[in-house]
Amino acid sequence: MSKSVVILLSGGLDSTTLLHHLRRLSPGLVLHALTMHYGQKHARETVCAAWQAAAAQVRAHHLVDLACLGQITAHGSTLTGRRPVPAMSEIREDQLDQPPTYVPNRNLVFLSLAAAYAEAHGIDEVFYAAQQQDFYGYWDCTKAFQEKLNSLLGLNRRAPVTVRAPFADLDKAAVLKIGVAAEVDYAHTWTCYRGGELACGVCPACVERLAAFQRVGLPDPLAYE
């Protein structure tokens, strides 16, 4: 019987790389992908997630409506609220450990739902593409977060689920190199927080992505303003 896993697939560079990396490592792996629409300013990446899920031949791909998360976090995040997404250059040094783009408890909510899906389908592993941000950081992308969450999930008396974050010690350039080896088509990914017709090139996510491509020595296939 083939092993099954659940993966959080946003449609961005990191989660797309993880998807194809898992497929490359274990061609027979049965993949279940969850994509969360959480009330962010745009849904450009969810279209990319669907494209990548089809390319990786996942068994099931679910787009989960979490608009309520956007509603209750709108006051605290520029990704879900009315405040504009700042340029990387506009973020103060004392904000870099938890910038205005942080969505309160987003990964905790996502992973809790993914673990519930996994348990309901008899799956014991959930993967997400947390990595070491180069310029800023989120507490729910750290190894400490992953370890404590696994301790909590381990309290399950029948079917404990384990969260895996294989990129947690890697920067984005290292993740990108893994994706290049897995022949990922990055033209069908979306990273920009602002979600315009073209990627903005200045928000924190764009800056980090562009720097990764530059460090690897490859052109980014996305068009930028």
N, C-alpha and C. Protein backbone atom coordinates (compact mmCIF):
# COMPACT_ATOMS: atom_id res chain seq x y z
N MET A 1 0.85 -1.20 0.00
CA MET A 1 0.00 0.00 0.00
C MET A 1 0.88 1.25 0.00
N SER A 2 0.60 2.20 -0.90
CA SER A 2 1.40 3.41 -1.01
C SER A 2 1.16 4.32 0.18
N LYS A 3 2.22 5.00 0.59
CA LYS A 3 2.12 5.93 1.71
C LYS A 3 1.45 7.22 1.24
N SER A 4 0.65 7.82 2.11
CA SER A 4 -0.01 9.08 1.82
C SER A 4 0.47 10.16 2.78
N VAL A 5 0.56 11.40 2.29
CA VAL A 5 0.88 12.54 3.13
C VAL A 5 0.00 13.71 2.72
N VAL A 6 -0.12 14.66 3.62
CA VAL A 6 -0.83 15.91 3.35
C VAL A 6 0.21 17.02 3.24
N ILE A 7 0.02 17.93 2.28
CA ILE A 7 0.92 19.07 2.14
C ILE A 7 0.10 20.35 2.05
N LEU A 8 0.56 21.38 2.76
CA LEU A 8 -0.01 22.71 2.60
C LEU A 8 0.61 23.34 1.36
N LEU A 9 -0.22 23.65 0.38
CA LEU A 9 0.25 24.16 -0.91
C LEU A 9 -0.35 25.54 -1.16
N SER A 10 0.49 26.57 -1.03
CA SER A 10 0.00 27.93 -1.22
C SER A 10 0.03 28.36 -2.67
N GLY A 11 0.91 27.76 -3.46
CA GLY A 11 1.15 28.23 -4.82
C GLY A 11 2.36 29.13 -4.92
N GLY A 12 3.04 29.35 -3.79
CA GLY A 12 4.27 30.13 -3.79
C GLY A 12 5.49 29.27 -4.09
N LEU A 13 6.63 29.90 -4.07
CA LEU A 13 7.88 29.21 -4.43
C LEU A 13 8.19 28.06 -3.48
N ASP A 14 8.08 28.30 -2.18
CA ASP A 14 8.52 27.30 -1.20
C ASP A 14 7.63 26.06 -1.21
N SER A 15 6.32 26.25 -1.11
CA SER A 15 5.42 25.10 -1.04
C SER A 15 5.39 24.33 -2.36
N THR A 16 5.52 25.05 -3.47
CA THR A 16 5.58 24.37 -4.76
C THR A 16 6.84 23.53 -4.87
N THR A 17 7.95 24.07 -4.40
CA THR A 17 9.20 23.30 -4.40
C THR A 17 9.05 22.05 -3.55
N LEU A 18 8.46 22.20 -2.38
CA LEU A 18 8.28 21.04 -1.49
C LEU A 18 7.41 19.98 -2.16
N LEU A 19 6.34 20.41 -2.81
CA LEU A 19 5.45 19.48 -3.50
C LEU A 19 6.21 18.61 -4.50
N HIS A 20 6.99 19.26 -5.37
CA HIS A 20 7.69 18.52 -6.42
C HIS A 20 8.91 17.78 -5.88
N HIS A 21 9.48 18.30 -4.80
CA HIS A 21 10.59 17.59 -4.14
C HIS A 21 10.10 16.26 -3.57
N LEU A 22 8.95 16.28 -2.92
CA LEU A 22 8.38 15.04 -2.39
C LEU A 22 8.04 14.07 -3.52
N ARG A 23 7.48 14.59 -4.59
CA ARG A 23 7.15 13.74 -5.73
C ARG A 23 8.42 13.12 -6.33
N ARG A 24 9.49 13.92 -6.42
CA ARG A 24 10.75 13.42 -6.99
C ARG A 24 11.38 12.37 -6.09
N LEU A 25 11.35 12.58 -4.77
CA LEU A 25 11.96 11.63 -3.84
C LEU A 25 11.19 10.32 -3.79
N SER A 26 9.86 10.41 -3.87
CA SER A 26 9.02 9.22 -3.74
C SER A 26 7.93 9.25 -4.81
N PRO A 27 8.24 8.77 -6.01
CA PRO A 27 7.27 8.84 -7.11
C PRO A 27 5.93 8.18 -6.80
N GLY A 28 5.93 7.17 -5.92
CA GLY A 28 4.70 6.49 -5.59
C GLY A 28 3.92 7.10 -4.44
N LEU A 29 4.43 8.19 -3.88
CA LEU A 29 3.77 8.83 -2.74
C LEU A 29 2.40 9.37 -3.15
N VAL A 30 1.41 9.14 -2.30
CA VAL A 30 0.05 9.67 -2.55
C VAL A 30 -0.05 11.02 -1.86
N LEU A 31 -0.23 12.06 -2.64
CA LEU A 31 -0.23 13.43 -2.12
C LEU A 31 -1.64 13.99 -2.01
N HIS A 32 -1.94 14.55 -0.86
CA HIS A 32 -3.17 15.29 -0.64
C HIS A 32 -2.77 16.74 -0.36
N ALA A 33 -3.23 17.67 -1.15
CA ALA A 33 -2.83 19.07 -1.00
C ALA A 33 -4.00 19.92 -0.52
N LEU A 34 -3.70 20.79 0.43
CA LEU A 34 -4.68 21.75 0.93
C LEU A 34 -4.19 23.17 0.62
N THR A 35 -5.02 23.97 0.01
CA THR A 35 -4.71 25.37 -0.28
C THR A 35 -5.72 26.23 0.46
N MET A 36 -5.23 27.16 1.25
CA MET A 36 -6.09 27.99 2.09
C MET A 36 -6.34 29.36 1.47
N HIS A 37 -7.60 29.71 1.30
CA HIS A 37 -7.96 31.07 0.93
C HIS A 37 -8.44 31.74 2.20
N TYR A 38 -7.56 32.56 2.80
CA TYR A 38 -7.81 33.04 4.16
C TYR A 38 -8.15 34.52 4.22
N GLY A 39 -8.73 35.05 3.15
CA GLY A 39 -9.11 36.46 3.15
C GLY A 39 -7.98 37.39 2.82
N GLN A 40 -6.92 36.86 2.20
CA GLN A 40 -5.82 37.72 1.78
C GLN A 40 -6.27 38.66 0.67
N LYS A 41 -5.44 39.64 0.34
CA LYS A 41 -5.84 40.69 -0.58
C LYS A 41 -6.09 40.19 -2.00
N HIS A 42 -5.62 39.03 -2.34
CA HIS A 42 -5.79 38.51 -3.70
C HIS A 42 -5.73 36.99 -3.64
N ALA A 43 -6.07 36.36 -4.75
CA ALA A 43 -6.05 34.90 -4.81
C ALA A 43 -5.16 34.41 -5.95
N ARG A 44 -4.20 35.23 -6.35
CA ARG A 44 -3.34 34.85 -7.48
C ARG A 44 -2.63 33.52 -7.22
N GLU A 45 -2.18 33.32 -5.99
CA GLU A 45 -1.41 32.11 -5.72
C GLU A 45 -2.26 30.85 -5.71
N THR A 46 -3.56 30.98 -5.43
CA THR A 46 -4.40 29.78 -5.40
C THR A 46 -4.57 29.18 -6.79
N VAL A 47 -4.57 30.02 -7.81
CA VAL A 47 -4.62 29.53 -9.19
C VAL A 47 -3.34 28.75 -9.50
N CYS A 48 -2.22 29.28 -9.05
CA CYS A 48 -0.94 28.59 -9.25
C CYS A 48 -0.92 27.27 -8.48
N ALA A 49 -1.49 27.26 -7.30
CA ALA A 49 -1.53 26.03 -6.51
C ALA A 49 -2.28 24.93 -7.26
N ALA A 50 -3.40 25.30 -7.88
CA ALA A 50 -4.18 24.32 -8.64
C ALA A 50 -3.37 23.79 -9.82
N TRP A 51 -2.66 24.67 -10.50
CA TRP A 51 -1.83 24.25 -11.64
C TRP A 51 -0.74 23.28 -11.18
N GLN A 52 -0.07 23.62 -10.08
CA GLN A 52 1.02 22.78 -9.60
C GLN A 52 0.51 21.45 -9.06
N ALA A 53 -0.65 21.46 -8.42
CA ALA A 53 -1.24 20.21 -7.92
C ALA A 53 -1.51 19.26 -9.08
N ALA A 54 -2.02 19.80 -10.18
CA ALA A 54 -2.27 18.96 -11.35
C ALA A 54 -0.96 18.46 -11.94
N ALA A 55 0.05 19.33 -11.99
CA ALA A 55 1.34 18.93 -12.56
C ALA A 55 2.00 17.82 -11.74
N ALA A 56 1.79 17.84 -10.43
CA ALA A 56 2.38 16.83 -9.55
C ALA A 56 1.48 15.61 -9.38
N GLN A 57 0.34 15.63 -10.04
CA GLN A 57 -0.61 14.50 -9.99
C GLN A 57 -0.98 14.13 -8.56
N VAL A 58 -1.41 15.14 -7.79
CA VAL A 58 -1.84 14.87 -6.43
C VAL A 58 -3.15 14.07 -6.45
N ARG A 59 -3.38 13.27 -5.44
CA ARG A 59 -4.59 12.46 -5.37
C ARG A 59 -5.82 13.35 -5.15
N ALA A 60 -5.66 14.35 -4.28
CA ALA A 60 -6.76 15.26 -3.98
C ALA A 60 -6.21 16.64 -3.68
N HIS A 61 -6.86 17.66 -4.24
CA HIS A 61 -6.48 19.05 -3.96
C HIS A 61 -7.72 19.80 -3.51
N HIS A 62 -7.66 20.35 -2.30
CA HIS A 62 -8.81 21.05 -1.73
C HIS A 62 -8.47 22.53 -1.52
N LEU A 63 -9.33 23.41 -2.02
CA LEU A 63 -9.24 24.84 -1.73
C LEU A 63 -10.18 25.11 -0.57
N VAL A 64 -9.58 25.49 0.57
CA VAL A 64 -10.34 25.64 1.81
C VAL A 64 -10.68 27.11 2.02
N ASP A 65 -11.95 27.40 2.20
CA ASP A 65 -12.42 28.77 2.42
C ASP A 65 -12.25 29.15 3.88
N LEU A 66 -11.28 30.01 4.14
CA LEU A 66 -11.04 30.50 5.50
C LEU A 66 -11.17 32.02 5.55
N ALA A 67 -12.17 32.53 4.85
CA ALA A 67 -12.38 33.98 4.84
C ALA A 67 -12.54 34.54 6.25
N CYS A 68 -13.04 33.71 7.16
CA CYS A 68 -13.22 34.17 8.54
C CYS A 68 -11.90 34.56 9.18
N LEU A 69 -10.81 33.90 8.79
CA LEU A 69 -9.51 34.25 9.35
C LEU A 69 -9.11 35.65 8.92
N GLY A 70 -9.38 35.98 7.66
CA GLY A 70 -9.10 37.33 7.20
C GLY A 70 -9.91 38.37 7.94
N GLN A 71 -11.14 38.05 8.25
CA GLN A 71 -12.01 38.99 8.94
C GLN A 71 -11.52 39.26 10.36
N ILE A 72 -11.11 38.22 11.06
CA ILE A 72 -10.74 38.42 12.47
C ILE A 72 -9.30 38.89 12.65
N THR A 73 -8.50 38.84 11.57
CA THR A 73 -7.11 39.32 11.68
C THR A 73 -6.88 40.61 10.91
N ALA A 74 -7.93 41.16 10.31
CA ALA A 74 -7.77 42.33 9.45
C ALA A 74 -7.13 43.51 10.17
N HIS A 75 -7.40 43.64 11.45
CA HIS A 75 -6.84 44.76 12.21
C HIS A 75 -5.34 44.58 12.45
N GLY A 76 -4.86 43.34 12.38
CA GLY A 76 -3.47 43.08 12.77
C GLY A 76 -2.52 42.74 11.66
N SER A 77 -2.98 42.67 10.41
CA SER A 77 -2.09 42.27 9.33
C SER A 77 -2.36 43.07 8.07
N THR A 78 -1.30 43.45 7.37
CA THR A 78 -1.47 44.15 6.09
C THR A 78 -1.87 43.19 4.97
N LEU A 79 -1.79 41.88 5.21
CA LEU A 79 -2.20 40.92 4.17
C LEU A 79 -3.70 40.72 4.14
N THR A 80 -4.36 40.95 5.27
CA THR A 80 -5.80 40.72 5.34
C THR A 80 -6.60 42.00 5.61
N GLY A 81 -5.95 43.05 6.03
CA GLY A 81 -6.65 44.28 6.37
C GLY A 81 -6.59 45.31 5.25
N ARG A 82 -7.02 46.52 5.57
CA ARG A 82 -7.08 47.58 4.56
C ARG A 82 -5.76 48.32 4.39
N ARG A 83 -4.87 48.22 5.36
CA ARG A 83 -3.58 48.91 5.23
C ARG A 83 -2.80 48.34 4.04
N PRO A 84 -2.08 49.17 3.31
CA PRO A 84 -1.32 48.66 2.17
C PRO A 84 -0.15 47.78 2.61
N VAL A 85 0.19 46.83 1.78
CA VAL A 85 1.36 45.99 2.05
C VAL A 85 2.61 46.85 1.88
N PRO A 86 3.47 46.93 2.90
CA PRO A 86 4.64 47.81 2.80
C PRO A 86 5.72 47.24 1.89
N ALA A 87 6.53 48.13 1.37
CA ALA A 87 7.75 47.71 0.70
C ALA A 87 8.73 47.20 1.75
N MET A 88 9.63 46.35 1.35
CA MET A 88 10.62 45.83 2.29
C MET A 88 11.40 46.98 2.93
N SER A 89 11.70 48.00 2.14
CA SER A 89 12.48 49.14 2.63
C SER A 89 11.74 49.97 3.66
N GLU A 90 10.42 49.79 3.76
CA GLU A 90 9.62 50.57 4.70
C GLU A 90 9.47 49.88 6.06
N ILE A 91 9.94 48.66 6.18
CA ILE A 91 9.81 47.92 7.44
C ILE A 91 10.99 48.25 8.34
N ARG A 92 10.69 48.73 9.55
CA ARG A 92 11.75 49.10 10.48
C ARG A 92 12.51 47.86 10.97
N GLU A 93 13.73 48.09 11.41
CA GLU A 93 14.56 46.99 11.88
C GLU A 93 13.92 46.27 13.06
N ASP A 94 13.24 47.02 13.95
CA ASP A 94 12.64 46.40 15.11
C ASP A 94 11.36 45.63 14.78
N GLN A 95 10.94 45.66 13.50
CA GLN A 95 9.76 44.91 13.07
C GLN A 95 10.12 43.62 12.33
N LEU A 96 11.39 43.41 12.05
CA LEU A 96 11.78 42.32 11.17
C LEU A 96 11.51 40.94 11.75
N ASP A 97 11.45 40.82 13.08
CA ASP A 97 11.17 39.51 13.67
C ASP A 97 9.68 39.16 13.63
N GLN A 98 8.84 40.15 13.34
CA GLN A 98 7.40 39.92 13.19
C GLN A 98 6.81 41.12 12.44
N PRO A 99 6.99 41.14 11.12
CA PRO A 99 6.65 42.32 10.32
C PRO A 99 5.14 42.51 10.16
N PRO A 100 4.72 43.65 9.60
CA PRO A 100 3.30 43.94 9.44
C PRO A 100 2.57 42.94 8.54
N THR A 101 3.30 42.16 7.77
CA THR A 101 2.70 41.16 6.89
C THR A 101 2.35 39.87 7.63
N TYR A 102 2.75 39.74 8.88
CA TYR A 102 2.41 38.57 9.68
C TYR A 102 0.90 38.50 9.91
N VAL A 103 0.34 37.33 9.68
CA VAL A 103 -1.08 37.08 9.94
C VAL A 103 -1.19 36.28 11.24
N PRO A 104 -1.78 36.83 12.29
CA PRO A 104 -1.79 36.17 13.59
C PRO A 104 -2.28 34.72 13.53
N ASN A 105 -1.41 33.84 13.99
CA ASN A 105 -1.71 32.41 14.14
C ASN A 105 -2.08 31.70 12.85
N ARG A 106 -1.70 32.26 11.70
CA ARG A 106 -2.09 31.66 10.43
C ARG A 106 -1.61 30.22 10.29
N ASN A 107 -0.33 29.97 10.52
CA ASN A 107 0.18 28.62 10.33
C ASN A 107 -0.37 27.65 11.36
N LEU A 108 -0.65 28.15 12.55
CA LEU A 108 -1.25 27.29 13.57
C LEU A 108 -2.65 26.83 13.12
N VAL A 109 -3.42 27.76 12.56
CA VAL A 109 -4.75 27.42 12.05
C VAL A 109 -4.63 26.46 10.87
N PHE A 110 -3.75 26.79 9.92
CA PHE A 110 -3.58 25.95 8.73
C PHE A 110 -3.18 24.53 9.11
N LEU A 111 -2.20 24.41 9.98
CA LEU A 111 -1.68 23.09 10.32
C LEU A 111 -2.66 22.30 11.18
N SER A 112 -3.45 22.99 12.00
CA SER A 112 -4.48 22.29 12.77
C SER A 112 -5.51 21.67 11.83
N LEU A 113 -5.92 22.42 10.81
CA LEU A 113 -6.87 21.90 9.85
C LEU A 113 -6.26 20.77 9.01
N ALA A 114 -5.00 20.94 8.64
CA ALA A 114 -4.32 19.89 7.88
C ALA A 114 -4.19 18.62 8.70
N ALA A 115 -3.90 18.77 9.99
CA ALA A 115 -3.80 17.59 10.86
C ALA A 115 -5.17 16.93 11.01
N ALA A 116 -6.23 17.72 11.07
CA ALA A 116 -7.58 17.15 11.15
C ALA A 116 -7.91 16.37 9.88
N TYR A 117 -7.57 16.95 8.74
CA TYR A 117 -7.79 16.26 7.46
C TYR A 117 -6.99 14.96 7.43
N ALA A 118 -5.73 15.04 7.84
CA ALA A 118 -4.87 13.85 7.82
C ALA A 118 -5.45 12.74 8.69
N GLU A 119 -5.81 13.10 9.92
CA GLU A 119 -6.36 12.10 10.83
C GLU A 119 -7.63 11.47 10.25
N ALA A 120 -8.49 12.28 9.68
CA ALA A 120 -9.75 11.78 9.13
C ALA A 120 -9.54 10.83 7.96
N HIS A 121 -8.40 10.98 7.27
CA HIS A 121 -8.11 10.15 6.11
C HIS A 121 -7.06 9.07 6.41
N GLY A 122 -6.76 8.87 7.68
CA GLY A 122 -5.81 7.83 8.04
C GLY A 122 -4.38 8.12 7.62
N ILE A 123 -4.02 9.40 7.59
CA ILE A 123 -2.68 9.85 7.19
C ILE A 123 -1.96 10.37 8.43
N ASP A 124 -0.67 10.05 8.56
CA ASP A 124 0.02 10.42 9.80
C ASP A 124 1.08 11.50 9.65
N GLU A 125 1.22 12.10 8.45
CA GLU A 125 2.21 13.16 8.26
C GLU A 125 1.63 14.32 7.47
N VAL A 126 1.96 15.53 7.94
CA VAL A 126 1.61 16.77 7.26
C VAL A 126 2.90 17.52 6.97
N PHE A 127 3.06 18.00 5.74
CA PHE A 127 4.25 18.75 5.35
C PHE A 127 3.88 20.21 5.08
N TYR A 128 4.76 21.10 5.55
CA TYR A 128 4.62 22.50 5.16
C TYR A 128 6.00 23.09 4.92
N ALA A 129 6.04 24.16 4.13
CA ALA A 129 7.31 24.62 3.56
C ALA A 129 7.91 25.79 4.33
N ALA A 130 7.89 25.72 5.64
CA ALA A 130 8.58 26.76 6.42
C ALA A 130 10.06 26.75 6.06
N GLN A 131 10.64 27.93 5.93
CA GLN A 131 12.08 28.06 5.64
C GLN A 131 12.61 29.27 6.39
N GLN A 132 13.91 29.37 6.44
CA GLN A 132 14.55 30.50 7.13
C GLN A 132 14.47 31.74 6.26
N GLN A 133 13.56 32.65 6.60
CA GLN A 133 13.48 33.88 5.83
C GLN A 133 14.81 34.63 5.89
N ASP A 134 15.21 35.20 4.75
CA ASP A 134 16.50 35.87 4.67
C ASP A 134 16.50 37.24 5.33
N PHE A 135 15.38 37.95 5.26
CA PHE A 135 15.35 39.34 5.67
C PHE A 135 14.41 39.63 6.84
N TYR A 136 13.51 38.71 7.12
CA TYR A 136 12.52 38.91 8.18
C TYR A 136 12.12 37.54 8.68
N GLY A 137 11.26 37.48 9.70
CA GLY A 137 10.94 36.17 10.26
C GLY A 137 9.55 36.10 10.84
N TYR A 138 9.02 34.89 10.90
CA TYR A 138 7.73 34.60 11.52
C TYR A 138 7.92 33.49 12.54
N TRP A 139 7.37 33.65 13.72
CA TRP A 139 7.56 32.65 14.77
C TRP A 139 6.96 31.31 14.41
N ASP A 140 5.92 31.32 13.56
CA ASP A 140 5.27 30.06 13.21
C ASP A 140 5.90 29.37 12.00
N CYS A 141 7.13 29.80 11.68
CA CYS A 141 7.93 29.10 10.67
C CYS A 141 9.21 28.52 11.30
N THR A 142 9.31 28.56 12.61
CA THR A 142 10.53 28.13 13.29
C THR A 142 10.49 26.65 13.66
N LYS A 143 11.66 26.09 13.89
CA LYS A 143 11.73 24.70 14.34
C LYS A 143 11.11 24.55 15.72
N ALA A 144 11.25 25.58 16.57
CA ALA A 144 10.66 25.52 17.91
C ALA A 144 9.14 25.39 17.82
N PHE A 145 8.55 26.15 16.91
CA PHE A 145 7.09 26.06 16.70
C PHE A 145 6.71 24.66 16.26
N GLN A 146 7.43 24.14 15.29
CA GLN A 146 7.13 22.80 14.78
C GLN A 146 7.24 21.74 15.88
N GLU A 147 8.31 21.83 16.67
CA GLU A 147 8.52 20.84 17.73
C GLU A 147 7.42 20.89 18.78
N LYS A 148 7.02 22.09 19.18
CA LYS A 148 5.98 22.21 20.21
C LYS A 148 4.62 21.79 19.66
N LEU A 149 4.37 22.09 18.39
CA LEU A 149 3.11 21.66 17.79
C LEU A 149 3.06 20.13 17.73
N ASN A 150 4.17 19.50 17.39
CA ASN A 150 4.20 18.05 17.35
C ASN A 150 4.01 17.44 18.74
N SER A 151 4.52 18.11 19.75
CA SER A 151 4.29 17.62 21.11
C SER A 151 2.80 17.65 21.44
N LEU A 152 2.13 18.71 21.01
CA LEU A 152 0.69 18.82 21.24
C LEU A 152 -0.09 17.76 20.45
N LEU A 153 0.24 17.61 19.17
CA LEU A 153 -0.44 16.62 18.35
C LEU A 153 -0.18 15.20 18.83
N GLY A 154 0.95 15.01 19.49
CA GLY A 154 1.30 13.70 20.02
C GLY A 154 0.42 13.26 21.17
N LEU A 155 -0.41 14.17 21.71
CA LEU A 155 -1.34 13.80 22.78
C LEU A 155 -2.52 13.00 22.25
N ASN A 156 -2.69 12.96 20.95
CA ASN A 156 -3.79 12.21 20.35
C ASN A 156 -3.71 10.74 20.78
N ARG A 157 -4.79 10.19 21.27
CA ARG A 157 -4.79 8.85 21.86
C ARG A 157 -4.95 7.73 20.83
N ARG A 158 -5.32 8.07 19.61
CA ARG A 158 -5.55 7.03 18.62
C ARG A 158 -4.68 7.20 17.37
N ALA A 159 -4.61 8.42 16.86
CA ALA A 159 -3.95 8.63 15.56
C ALA A 159 -3.17 9.93 15.55
N PRO A 160 -2.03 9.97 16.26
CA PRO A 160 -1.24 11.20 16.26
C PRO A 160 -0.69 11.52 14.87
N VAL A 161 -0.70 12.79 14.54
CA VAL A 161 -0.19 13.28 13.26
C VAL A 161 1.09 14.05 13.53
N THR A 162 2.09 13.88 12.66
CA THR A 162 3.36 14.58 12.80
C THR A 162 3.51 15.62 11.69
N VAL A 163 3.91 16.83 12.07
CA VAL A 163 4.16 17.91 11.12
C VAL A 163 5.63 17.88 10.72
N ARG A 164 5.89 17.90 9.42
CA ARG A 164 7.25 17.89 8.89
C ARG A 164 7.52 19.22 8.17
N ALA A 165 8.70 19.77 8.41
CA ALA A 165 9.12 21.01 7.74
C ALA A 165 10.55 20.82 7.26
N PRO A 166 10.76 20.08 6.18
CA PRO A 166 12.12 19.72 5.77
C PRO A 166 12.98 20.89 5.30
N PHE A 167 12.37 22.05 5.04
CA PHE A 167 13.15 23.21 4.61
C PHE A 167 13.43 24.19 5.75
N ALA A 168 13.14 23.81 6.97
CA ALA A 168 13.20 24.75 8.10
C ALA A 168 14.59 25.34 8.32
N ASP A 169 15.63 24.61 7.95
CA ASP A 169 17.00 25.10 8.14
C ASP A 169 17.57 25.74 6.89
N LEU A 170 16.78 25.90 5.85
CA LEU A 170 17.28 26.38 4.56
C LEU A 170 16.80 27.81 4.27
N ASP A 171 17.65 28.58 3.60
CA ASP A 171 17.20 29.87 3.10
C ASP A 171 16.54 29.66 1.74
N LYS A 172 15.97 30.73 1.18
CA LYS A 172 15.19 30.57 -0.04
C LYS A 172 16.05 30.17 -1.23
N ALA A 173 17.29 30.61 -1.27
CA ALA A 173 18.15 30.21 -2.38
C ALA A 173 18.39 28.70 -2.35
N ALA A 174 18.58 28.14 -1.17
CA ALA A 174 18.77 26.69 -1.05
C ALA A 174 17.51 25.94 -1.45
N VAL A 175 16.35 26.48 -1.07
CA VAL A 175 15.08 25.88 -1.49
C VAL A 175 14.96 25.92 -3.00
N LEU A 176 15.32 27.06 -3.59
CA LEU A 176 15.23 27.22 -5.04
C LEU A 176 16.11 26.20 -5.76
N LYS A 177 17.29 25.95 -5.25
CA LYS A 177 18.18 24.96 -5.87
C LYS A 177 17.53 23.57 -5.87
N ILE A 178 16.84 23.24 -4.79
CA ILE A 178 16.13 21.96 -4.73
C ILE A 178 15.04 21.92 -5.80
N GLY A 179 14.35 23.03 -5.97
CA GLY A 179 13.30 23.10 -6.97
C GLY A 179 13.83 23.00 -8.39
N VAL A 180 14.98 23.61 -8.63
CA VAL A 180 15.59 23.51 -9.96
C VAL A 180 15.93 22.05 -10.27
N ALA A 181 16.46 21.34 -9.26
CA ALA A 181 16.77 19.92 -9.44
C ALA A 181 15.51 19.10 -9.71
N ALA A 182 14.38 19.53 -9.13
CA ALA A 182 13.11 18.84 -9.33
C ALA A 182 12.37 19.33 -10.57
N GLU A 183 13.01 20.24 -11.33
CA GLU A 183 12.45 20.76 -12.58
C GLU A 183 11.11 21.45 -12.37
N VAL A 184 11.02 22.25 -11.32
CA VAL A 184 9.81 23.01 -11.04
C VAL A 184 9.64 24.13 -12.06
N ASP A 185 8.44 24.32 -12.54
CA ASP A 185 8.12 25.43 -13.43
C ASP A 185 7.69 26.62 -12.57
N TYR A 186 8.61 27.52 -12.29
CA TYR A 186 8.32 28.64 -11.40
C TYR A 186 7.52 29.75 -12.08
N ALA A 187 7.28 29.62 -13.39
CA ALA A 187 6.40 30.58 -14.05
C ALA A 187 4.98 30.43 -13.55
N HIS A 188 4.66 29.27 -13.00
CA HIS A 188 3.33 29.01 -12.44
C HIS A 188 3.39 29.00 -10.91
N THR A 189 4.04 30.01 -10.36
CA THR A 189 4.03 30.26 -8.92
C THR A 189 3.77 31.75 -8.73
N TRP A 190 3.34 32.10 -7.53
CA TRP A 190 3.10 33.52 -7.22
C TRP A 190 3.57 33.80 -5.82
N THR A 191 4.34 34.86 -5.66
CA THR A 191 4.94 35.20 -4.37
C THR A 191 4.51 36.56 -3.85
N CYS A 192 4.27 37.50 -4.74
CA CYS A 192 4.02 38.89 -4.37
C CYS A 192 2.83 39.02 -3.43
N TYR A 193 3.02 39.77 -2.34
CA TYR A 193 1.95 39.99 -1.38
C TYR A 193 0.86 40.91 -1.92
N ARG A 194 1.19 41.75 -2.91
CA ARG A 194 0.25 42.76 -3.36
C ARG A 194 -0.72 42.25 -4.41
N GLY A 195 -0.33 41.28 -5.20
CA GLY A 195 -1.26 40.63 -6.11
C GLY A 195 -1.73 41.47 -7.28
N GLY A 196 -0.89 42.34 -7.81
CA GLY A 196 -1.26 43.11 -8.99
C GLY A 196 -1.14 42.29 -10.26
N GLU A 197 -1.32 42.95 -11.40
CA GLU A 197 -1.18 42.26 -12.67
C GLU A 197 0.24 41.73 -12.83
N LEU A 198 1.21 42.51 -12.36
CA LEU A 198 2.61 42.10 -12.33
C LEU A 198 3.06 42.06 -10.87
N ALA A 199 4.06 41.24 -10.58
CA ALA A 199 4.64 41.24 -9.23
C ALA A 199 5.27 42.60 -8.96
N CYS A 200 5.14 43.08 -7.72
CA CYS A 200 5.57 44.46 -7.43
C CYS A 200 7.08 44.60 -7.37
N GLY A 201 7.77 43.57 -6.91
CA GLY A 201 9.23 43.62 -6.83
C GLY A 201 9.79 44.30 -5.60
N VAL A 202 8.92 44.87 -4.74
CA VAL A 202 9.43 45.62 -3.59
C VAL A 202 8.87 45.15 -2.26
N CYS A 203 7.78 44.38 -2.27
CA CYS A 203 7.26 43.88 -0.99
C CYS A 203 8.24 42.85 -0.42
N PRO A 204 8.14 42.52 0.85
CA PRO A 204 9.11 41.59 1.45
C PRO A 204 9.21 40.26 0.71
N ALA A 205 8.09 39.71 0.28
CA ALA A 205 8.12 38.42 -0.40
C ALA A 205 8.82 38.51 -1.74
N CYS A 206 8.55 39.57 -2.50
CA CYS A 206 9.22 39.76 -3.80
C CYS A 206 10.72 39.96 -3.63
N VAL A 207 11.11 40.77 -2.66
CA VAL A 207 12.53 41.04 -2.44
C VAL A 207 13.27 39.75 -2.12
N GLU A 208 12.68 38.92 -1.27
CA GLU A 208 13.32 37.67 -0.90
C GLU A 208 13.40 36.72 -2.09
N ARG A 209 12.33 36.65 -2.86
CA ARG A 209 12.32 35.78 -4.04
C ARG A 209 13.37 36.22 -5.08
N LEU A 210 13.39 37.50 -5.39
CA LEU A 210 14.34 38.01 -6.37
C LEU A 210 15.77 37.78 -5.93
N ALA A 211 16.03 37.96 -4.64
CA ALA A 211 17.39 37.74 -4.12
C ALA A 211 17.79 36.28 -4.26
N ALA A 212 16.84 35.37 -4.07
CA ALA A 212 17.14 33.94 -4.20
C ALA A 212 17.51 33.60 -5.64
N PHE A 213 16.74 34.09 -6.60
CA PHE A 213 17.07 33.83 -8.00
C PHE A 213 18.43 34.42 -8.36
N GLN A 214 18.71 35.60 -7.83
CA GLN A 214 20.00 36.23 -8.11
C GLN A 214 21.14 35.40 -7.55
N ARG A 215 20.98 34.90 -6.33
CA ARG A 215 22.04 34.11 -5.70
C ARG A 215 22.26 32.79 -6.42
N VAL A 216 21.20 32.22 -6.96
CA VAL A 216 21.32 30.96 -7.69
C VAL A 216 21.83 31.20 -9.12
N GLY A 217 21.73 32.44 -9.58
CA GLY A 217 22.23 32.77 -10.91
C GLY A 217 21.26 32.45 -12.02
N LEU A 218 19.95 32.54 -11.71
CA LEU A 218 18.92 32.24 -12.69
C LEU A 218 17.95 33.42 -12.80
N PRO A 219 17.36 33.63 -13.97
CA PRO A 219 16.33 34.67 -14.08
C PRO A 219 15.01 34.18 -13.49
N ASP A 220 14.30 35.09 -12.85
CA ASP A 220 12.98 34.77 -12.36
C ASP A 220 12.00 34.83 -13.53
N PRO A 221 11.23 33.77 -13.80
CA PRO A 221 10.34 33.79 -14.95
C PRO A 221 9.12 34.70 -14.80
N LEU A 222 8.88 35.21 -13.59
CA LEU A 222 7.75 36.13 -13.41
C LEU A 222 8.10 37.52 -13.94
N ALA A 223 7.07 38.24 -14.38
CA ALA A 223 7.24 39.63 -14.82
C ALA A 223 7.02 40.56 -13.64
N TYR A 224 7.85 41.58 -13.54
CA TYR A 224 7.78 42.54 -12.43
C TYR A 224 7.52 43.94 -12.94
N GLU A 225 6.91 44.73 -12.06
CA GLU A 225 6.64 46.14 -12.41
C GLU A 225 7.95 46.88 -12.63
